[in-house]
Amino acid sequence: MLFQNTIDTTNYMIAGYTIFFSVITIYVSSLIIRWKKAVVELATLEDLEN
């Protein structure tokens, strides 16, 4: 047989999922921080307008 043994790539899968979820968490955190800053800036601009 040509392919008798299957290569164990479990560690690569775990590393890939860890990196993926870390990047997604950082991205979502960044969006939340930017959203809060934009809300504060909008409120400041509306106060200045009046």
C-alpha atoms as a PDB file:
ATOM      1  CA  MET A   1       0.000   0.000   0.000  1.00  0.00           C
ATOM      2  CA  LEU A   2       1.155   3.509  -0.738  1.00  0.00           C
ATOM      3  CA  PHE A   3      -0.483   5.309   2.203  1.00  0.00           C
ATOM      4  CA  GLN A   4      -0.342   3.094   5.284  1.00  0.00           C
ATOM      5  CA  ASN A   5       0.053   5.696   8.041  1.00  0.00           C
ATOM      6  CA  THR A   6      -1.849   8.908   8.531  1.00  0.00           C
ATOM      7  CA  ILE A   7       0.191  11.943   9.535  1.00  0.00           C
ATOM      8  CA  ASP A   8      -0.803  13.390  12.924  1.00  0.00           C
ATOM      9  CA  THR A   9      -1.535  17.094  12.429  1.00  0.00           C
ATOM     10  CA  THR A  10      -3.554  17.689  15.604  1.00  0.00           C
ATOM     11  CA  ASN A  11      -1.029  20.187  16.974  1.00  0.00           C
ATOM     12  CA  TYR A  12      -1.190  22.242  13.776  1.00  0.00           C
ATOM     13  CA  MET A  13      -4.989  22.255  13.917  1.00  0.00           C
ATOM     14  CA  ILE A  14      -4.986  23.444  17.534  1.00  0.00           C
ATOM     15  CA  ALA A  15      -2.398  26.118  16.731  1.00  0.00           C
ATOM     16  CA  GLY A  16      -4.434  27.281  13.735  1.00  0.00           C
ATOM     17  CA  TYR A  17      -7.661  27.552  15.722  1.00  0.00           C
ATOM     18  CA  THR A  18      -5.847  29.348  18.556  1.00  0.00           C
ATOM     19  CA  ILE A  19      -4.373  31.929  16.184  1.00  0.00           C
ATOM     20  CA  PHE A  20      -7.677  32.347  14.344  1.00  0.00           C
ATOM     21  CA  PHE A  21      -9.720  32.970  17.486  1.00  0.00           C
ATOM     22  CA  SER A  22      -7.017  35.260  18.915  1.00  0.00           C
ATOM     23  CA  VAL A  23      -7.068  37.425  15.788  1.00  0.00           C
ATOM     24  CA  ILE A  24     -10.885  37.522  15.755  1.00  0.00           C
ATOM     25  CA  THR A  25     -10.945  38.504  19.450  1.00  0.00           C
ATOM     26  CA  ILE A  26      -8.433  41.310  18.896  1.00  0.00           C
ATOM     27  CA  TYR A  27     -10.377  42.542  15.855  1.00  0.00           C
ATOM     28  CA  VAL A  28     -13.735  42.581  17.661  1.00  0.00           C
ATOM     29  CA  SER A  29     -12.149  44.305  20.664  1.00  0.00           C
ATOM     30  CA  SER A  30     -10.712  46.937  18.346  1.00  0.00           C
ATOM     31  CA  LEU A  31     -14.130  47.508  16.756  1.00  0.00           C
ATOM     32  CA  ILE A  32     -15.763  47.924  20.178  1.00  0.00           C
ATOM     33  CA  ILE A  33     -13.110  50.420  21.318  1.00  0.00           C
ATOM     34  CA  ARG A  34     -13.413  52.427  18.096  1.00  0.00           C
ATOM     35  CA  TRP A  35     -17.226  52.394  18.347  1.00  0.00           C
ATOM     36  CA  LYS A  36     -17.118  53.792  21.905  1.00  0.00           C
ATOM     37  CA  LYS A  37     -14.690  56.533  20.858  1.00  0.00           C
ATOM     38  CA  ALA A  38     -16.902  57.425  17.880  1.00  0.00           C
ATOM     39  CA  VAL A  39     -19.980  57.699  20.125  1.00  0.00           C
ATOM     40  CA  VAL A  40     -18.117  60.043  22.499  1.00  0.00           C
ATOM     41  CA  GLU A  41     -16.841  62.138  19.597  1.00  0.00           C
ATOM     42  CA  LEU A  42     -20.336  62.347  18.081  1.00  0.00           C
ATOM     43  CA  ALA A  43     -21.766  63.519  21.398  1.00  0.00           C
ATOM     44  CA  THR A  44     -19.024  66.155  21.659  1.00  0.00           C
ATOM     45  CA  LEU A  45     -19.704  67.413  18.135  1.00  0.00           C
ATOM     46  CA  GLU A  46     -23.441  67.566  18.803  1.00  0.00           C
ATOM     47  CA  ASP A  47     -22.795  69.603  21.968  1.00  0.00           C
ATOM     48  CA  LEU A  48     -20.590  72.006  20.038  1.00  0.00           C
ATOM     49  CA  GLU A  49     -23.243  72.417  17.353  1.00  0.00           C
ATOM     50  CA  ASN A  50     -25.867  73.624  19.843  1.00  0.00           C
END
